[in-house]
Amino acid sequence: MERNLLVGNGINIQFGGLDVYSGSATMNRVVENIKAGKYAALTENALSIDEQLEILNGLVKVIDQIKAGKCWGKADGLFMLMELDRIKRTYPEHSSITSVFLEDFFSGI
């Protein structure tokens, strides 16, 4: 009998735990990979480790500006307004690299 196992976030969290598969754990791995120089090739060695981390910190500042209501006038439609509202409800007043979910860094961009 053939058996299949579908692996996705739900089952990973169930068996791996939040310390391995949470948004914070993912961002911790991203930061550790940056510090280990694993992403230098992605920038063709044009960005130092500190510059890569500063880019992430800059995007976190954008999330904080959204939380403070400073980006609402730039929204160009209902979907963007809904995303800004979701971000405002999701994150603490002052976020950090590890408190922002990976997909929301694209909102900062």
N, C-alpha and C. Protein backbone atom coordinates (compact mmCIF):
# COMPACT_ATOMS: atom_id res chain seq x y z
N MET A 1 0.85 -1.18 0.00
CA MET A 1 0.00 0.00 0.00
C MET A 1 0.89 1.24 0.00
N GLU A 2 0.60 2.13 -0.93
CA GLU A 2 1.35 3.38 -1.01
C GLU A 2 0.78 4.38 -0.02
N ARG A 3 1.66 5.07 0.69
CA ARG A 3 1.22 6.10 1.62
C ARG A 3 1.87 7.42 1.24
N ASN A 4 1.11 8.47 1.40
CA ASN A 4 1.61 9.81 1.10
C ASN A 4 1.43 10.69 2.30
N LEU A 5 2.33 11.61 2.46
CA LEU A 5 2.25 12.57 3.54
C LEU A 5 2.38 13.96 2.94
N LEU A 6 1.37 14.77 3.13
CA LEU A 6 1.39 16.14 2.67
C LEU A 6 2.04 16.99 3.76
N VAL A 7 3.13 17.64 3.42
CA VAL A 7 3.85 18.45 4.40
C VAL A 7 3.60 19.91 4.09
N GLY A 8 3.10 20.62 5.06
CA GLY A 8 2.86 22.05 4.94
C GLY A 8 3.01 22.69 6.30
N ASN A 9 2.67 23.95 6.39
CA ASN A 9 2.86 24.67 7.65
C ASN A 9 2.18 24.00 8.83
N GLY A 10 0.95 23.56 8.66
CA GLY A 10 0.22 22.97 9.77
C GLY A 10 0.91 21.76 10.35
N ILE A 11 1.30 20.82 9.50
CA ILE A 11 1.93 19.61 10.01
C ILE A 11 3.35 19.90 10.50
N ASN A 12 4.04 20.84 9.87
CA ASN A 12 5.37 21.21 10.35
C ASN A 12 5.30 21.78 11.76
N ILE A 13 4.34 22.64 12.00
CA ILE A 13 4.20 23.23 13.33
C ILE A 13 3.80 22.16 14.33
N GLN A 14 2.91 21.26 13.92
CA GLN A 14 2.46 20.22 14.82
C GLN A 14 3.63 19.34 15.28
N PHE A 15 4.51 18.96 14.35
CA PHE A 15 5.59 18.05 14.70
C PHE A 15 6.91 18.75 15.00
N GLY A 16 7.12 19.92 14.45
CA GLY A 16 8.38 20.62 14.66
C GLY A 16 8.30 21.65 15.77
N GLY A 17 7.11 22.17 15.98
CA GLY A 17 6.92 23.16 17.03
C GLY A 17 7.14 24.58 16.54
N LEU A 18 6.64 25.52 17.31
CA LEU A 18 6.75 26.93 16.95
C LEU A 18 8.18 27.42 16.90
N ASP A 19 9.06 26.79 17.71
CA ASP A 19 10.46 27.23 17.73
C ASP A 19 11.18 26.93 16.41
N VAL A 20 10.59 26.09 15.59
CA VAL A 20 11.21 25.71 14.32
C VAL A 20 10.49 26.33 13.13
N TYR A 21 9.17 26.42 13.19
CA TYR A 21 8.40 26.79 12.00
C TYR A 21 7.56 28.05 12.14
N SER A 22 7.71 28.80 13.19
CA SER A 22 6.93 30.04 13.33
C SER A 22 7.53 31.13 12.46
N GLY A 23 6.80 32.22 12.29
CA GLY A 23 7.33 33.35 11.55
C GLY A 23 8.60 33.90 12.18
N SER A 24 8.63 33.94 13.49
CA SER A 24 9.81 34.42 14.20
C SER A 24 11.00 33.49 13.96
N ALA A 25 10.76 32.18 13.98
CA ALA A 25 11.84 31.23 13.73
C ALA A 25 12.38 31.38 12.32
N THR A 26 11.48 31.60 11.36
CA THR A 26 11.90 31.81 9.97
C THR A 26 12.79 33.03 9.87
N MET A 27 12.38 34.13 10.49
CA MET A 27 13.17 35.36 10.42
C MET A 27 14.48 35.22 11.19
N ASN A 28 14.48 34.45 12.27
CA ASN A 28 15.74 34.18 12.97
C ASN A 28 16.72 33.46 12.04
N ARG A 29 16.20 32.50 11.26
CA ARG A 29 17.07 31.80 10.30
C ARG A 29 17.57 32.75 9.22
N VAL A 30 16.71 33.65 8.75
CA VAL A 30 17.13 34.63 7.74
C VAL A 30 18.28 35.48 8.29
N VAL A 31 18.12 35.98 9.51
CA VAL A 31 19.16 36.82 10.12
C VAL A 31 20.45 36.03 10.29
N GLU A 32 20.35 34.80 10.78
CA GLU A 32 21.55 33.98 10.96
C GLU A 32 22.22 33.67 9.62
N ASN A 33 21.42 33.44 8.58
CA ASN A 33 22.00 33.21 7.25
C ASN A 33 22.69 34.45 6.71
N ILE A 34 22.10 35.62 6.96
CA ILE A 34 22.76 36.86 6.55
C ILE A 34 24.09 37.00 7.29
N LYS A 35 24.06 36.81 8.60
CA LYS A 35 25.29 36.94 9.40
C LYS A 35 26.37 35.94 8.98
N ALA A 36 25.93 34.77 8.48
CA ALA A 36 26.88 33.75 8.03
C ALA A 36 27.36 34.00 6.59
N GLY A 37 26.85 35.07 5.96
CA GLY A 37 27.27 35.41 4.61
C GLY A 37 26.63 34.56 3.52
N LYS A 38 25.57 33.84 3.85
CA LYS A 38 24.96 32.93 2.88
C LYS A 38 24.20 33.65 1.77
N TYR A 39 23.88 34.93 1.94
CA TYR A 39 23.13 35.66 0.92
C TYR A 39 23.98 36.64 0.14
N ALA A 40 25.27 36.63 0.38
CA ALA A 40 26.16 37.58 -0.31
C ALA A 40 26.08 37.41 -1.83
N ALA A 41 25.98 36.17 -2.28
CA ALA A 41 25.94 35.92 -3.74
C ALA A 41 24.67 36.49 -4.37
N LEU A 42 23.60 36.58 -3.60
CA LEU A 42 22.36 37.13 -4.14
C LEU A 42 22.53 38.59 -4.55
N THR A 43 23.43 39.28 -3.89
CA THR A 43 23.67 40.68 -4.22
C THR A 43 24.98 40.85 -5.00
N GLU A 44 25.50 39.72 -5.49
CA GLU A 44 26.78 39.72 -6.21
C GLU A 44 27.87 40.38 -5.38
N ASN A 45 27.81 40.13 -4.08
CA ASN A 45 28.77 40.67 -3.10
C ASN A 45 28.79 42.19 -3.05
N ALA A 46 27.71 42.84 -3.52
CA ALA A 46 27.63 44.29 -3.52
C ALA A 46 27.20 44.85 -2.17
N LEU A 47 26.55 44.02 -1.34
CA LEU A 47 26.08 44.47 -0.03
C LEU A 47 26.78 43.70 1.08
N SER A 48 27.27 44.43 2.05
CA SER A 48 27.89 43.78 3.21
C SER A 48 26.81 43.17 4.10
N ILE A 49 27.23 42.40 5.06
CA ILE A 49 26.29 41.81 6.02
C ILE A 49 25.53 42.92 6.74
N ASP A 50 26.24 43.94 7.19
CA ASP A 50 25.58 45.06 7.88
C ASP A 50 24.58 45.77 6.97
N GLU A 51 24.91 45.94 5.70
CA GLU A 51 23.99 46.59 4.77
C GLU A 51 22.74 45.74 4.54
N GLN A 52 22.91 44.43 4.46
CA GLN A 52 21.75 43.55 4.30
C GLN A 52 20.83 43.63 5.51
N LEU A 53 21.41 43.63 6.70
CA LEU A 53 20.60 43.74 7.92
C LEU A 53 19.94 45.11 8.00
N GLU A 54 20.61 46.15 7.54
CA GLU A 54 20.04 47.49 7.57
C GLU A 54 18.85 47.60 6.62
N ILE A 55 18.90 46.89 5.51
CA ILE A 55 17.74 46.88 4.59
C ILE A 55 16.53 46.31 5.32
N LEU A 56 16.72 45.18 6.02
CA LEU A 56 15.60 44.60 6.77
C LEU A 56 15.11 45.56 7.85
N ASN A 57 16.04 46.19 8.56
CA ASN A 57 15.64 47.16 9.59
C ASN A 57 14.88 48.33 8.98
N GLY A 58 15.28 48.77 7.80
CA GLY A 58 14.56 49.84 7.12
C GLY A 58 13.14 49.44 6.77
N LEU A 59 12.96 48.19 6.36
CA LEU A 59 11.62 47.71 6.03
C LEU A 59 10.76 47.58 7.29
N VAL A 60 11.39 47.23 8.41
CA VAL A 60 10.66 47.19 9.69
C VAL A 60 10.19 48.59 10.06
N LYS A 61 11.00 49.60 9.77
CA LYS A 61 10.59 50.98 10.04
C LYS A 61 9.36 51.36 9.22
N VAL A 62 9.25 50.83 8.00
CA VAL A 62 8.06 51.08 7.19
C VAL A 62 6.85 50.45 7.86
N ILE A 63 7.00 49.24 8.38
CA ILE A 63 5.90 48.58 9.10
C ILE A 63 5.49 49.45 10.28
N ASP A 64 6.46 49.99 11.00
CA ASP A 64 6.14 50.88 12.14
C ASP A 64 5.43 52.15 11.67
N GLN A 65 5.79 52.67 10.51
CA GLN A 65 5.10 53.85 9.96
C GLN A 65 3.66 53.50 9.60
N ILE A 66 3.46 52.31 9.06
CA ILE A 66 2.09 51.86 8.77
C ILE A 66 1.29 51.80 10.06
N LYS A 67 1.90 51.24 11.10
CA LYS A 67 1.22 51.15 12.40
C LYS A 67 0.85 52.53 12.92
N ALA A 68 1.69 53.52 12.64
CA ALA A 68 1.44 54.88 13.11
C ALA A 68 0.48 55.64 12.21
N GLY A 69 0.00 55.01 11.14
CA GLY A 69 -0.96 55.64 10.24
C GLY A 69 -0.35 56.59 9.23
N LYS A 70 0.96 56.54 9.02
CA LYS A 70 1.62 57.49 8.13
C LYS A 70 1.58 57.11 6.66
N CYS A 71 1.15 55.91 6.32
CA CYS A 71 1.18 55.46 4.92
C CYS A 71 -0.21 55.32 4.30
N TRP A 72 -1.22 55.61 5.06
CA TRP A 72 -2.59 55.38 4.60
C TRP A 72 -2.92 56.22 3.37
N GLY A 73 -2.39 57.43 3.26
CA GLY A 73 -2.67 58.30 2.13
C GLY A 73 -2.05 57.80 0.83
N LYS A 74 -1.10 56.87 0.91
CA LYS A 74 -0.45 56.34 -0.28
C LYS A 74 -1.16 55.12 -0.85
N ALA A 75 -2.16 54.62 -0.13
CA ALA A 75 -2.88 53.43 -0.59
C ALA A 75 -3.66 53.76 -1.86
N ASP A 76 -3.58 52.88 -2.84
CA ASP A 76 -4.25 53.13 -4.11
C ASP A 76 -5.35 52.11 -4.39
N GLY A 77 -6.16 51.88 -3.41
CA GLY A 77 -7.27 50.96 -3.62
C GLY A 77 -7.67 50.25 -2.34
N LEU A 78 -8.79 49.59 -2.42
CA LEU A 78 -9.34 48.90 -1.26
C LEU A 78 -8.43 47.79 -0.74
N PHE A 79 -7.84 47.01 -1.66
CA PHE A 79 -6.97 45.92 -1.22
C PHE A 79 -5.80 46.44 -0.40
N MET A 80 -5.18 47.53 -0.86
CA MET A 80 -4.05 48.09 -0.11
C MET A 80 -4.50 48.61 1.24
N LEU A 81 -5.66 49.24 1.30
CA LEU A 81 -6.18 49.70 2.59
C LEU A 81 -6.43 48.53 3.54
N MET A 82 -6.93 47.43 2.99
CA MET A 82 -7.17 46.24 3.81
C MET A 82 -5.85 45.67 4.32
N GLU A 83 -4.82 45.67 3.49
CA GLU A 83 -3.50 45.18 3.91
C GLU A 83 -2.90 46.08 4.99
N LEU A 84 -3.03 47.38 4.82
CA LEU A 84 -2.51 48.31 5.83
C LEU A 84 -3.23 48.10 7.16
N ASP A 85 -4.52 47.89 7.10
CA ASP A 85 -5.29 47.64 8.32
C ASP A 85 -4.87 46.33 8.97
N ARG A 86 -4.64 45.29 8.16
CA ARG A 86 -4.20 44.00 8.70
C ARG A 86 -2.84 44.15 9.39
N ILE A 87 -1.93 44.88 8.76
CA ILE A 87 -0.61 45.09 9.36
C ILE A 87 -0.75 45.84 10.67
N LYS A 88 -1.61 46.85 10.68
CA LYS A 88 -1.80 47.63 11.91
C LYS A 88 -2.31 46.75 13.04
N ARG A 89 -3.18 45.80 12.73
CA ARG A 89 -3.73 44.91 13.75
C ARG A 89 -2.78 43.78 14.14
N THR A 90 -1.84 43.45 13.27
CA THR A 90 -1.00 42.26 13.46
C THR A 90 0.22 42.51 14.33
N TYR A 91 0.86 43.65 14.17
CA TYR A 91 2.18 43.85 14.76
C TYR A 91 2.16 44.77 15.97
N PRO A 92 3.17 44.61 16.85
CA PRO A 92 3.27 45.51 18.00
C PRO A 92 3.63 46.91 17.55
N GLU A 93 3.51 47.85 18.47
CA GLU A 93 3.77 49.26 18.13
C GLU A 93 5.16 49.45 17.52
N HIS A 94 6.14 48.81 18.11
CA HIS A 94 7.51 48.87 17.58
C HIS A 94 7.94 47.46 17.24
N SER A 95 8.07 47.19 15.96
CA SER A 95 8.40 45.86 15.49
C SER A 95 9.90 45.65 15.44
N SER A 96 10.28 44.40 15.22
CA SER A 96 11.69 44.04 15.01
C SER A 96 11.75 43.11 13.82
N ILE A 97 12.94 42.82 13.37
CA ILE A 97 13.09 41.93 12.22
C ILE A 97 12.39 40.60 12.48
N THR A 98 12.51 40.09 13.69
CA THR A 98 11.95 38.77 13.97
C THR A 98 10.47 38.80 14.32
N SER A 99 9.88 39.98 14.48
CA SER A 99 8.45 40.03 14.78
C SER A 99 7.61 40.25 13.52
N VAL A 100 8.25 40.59 12.40
CA VAL A 100 7.54 40.80 11.14
C VAL A 100 7.61 39.52 10.33
N PHE A 101 6.48 39.08 9.79
CA PHE A 101 6.44 37.88 8.97
C PHE A 101 7.12 38.15 7.64
N LEU A 102 7.79 37.15 7.13
CA LEU A 102 8.58 37.29 5.90
C LEU A 102 7.78 37.93 4.76
N GLU A 103 6.53 37.49 4.57
CA GLU A 103 5.74 38.02 3.45
C GLU A 103 5.43 39.50 3.62
N ASP A 104 5.41 40.01 4.85
CA ASP A 104 5.10 41.42 5.06
C ASP A 104 6.28 42.33 4.83
N PHE A 105 7.48 41.78 4.69
CA PHE A 105 8.61 42.62 4.29
C PHE A 105 8.36 43.18 2.89
N PHE A 106 7.60 42.45 2.07
CA PHE A 106 7.28 42.95 0.73
C PHE A 106 6.34 44.16 0.81
N SER A 107 5.54 44.26 1.86
CA SER A 107 4.72 45.46 2.05
C SER A 107 5.61 46.66 2.29
N GLY A 108 6.72 46.43 3.00
CA GLY A 108 7.67 47.51 3.23
C GLY A 108 8.33 48.00 1.97
N ILE A 109 8.51 47.08 1.04
CA ILE A 109 9.14 47.44 -0.24
C ILE A 109 8.20 48.32 -1.03
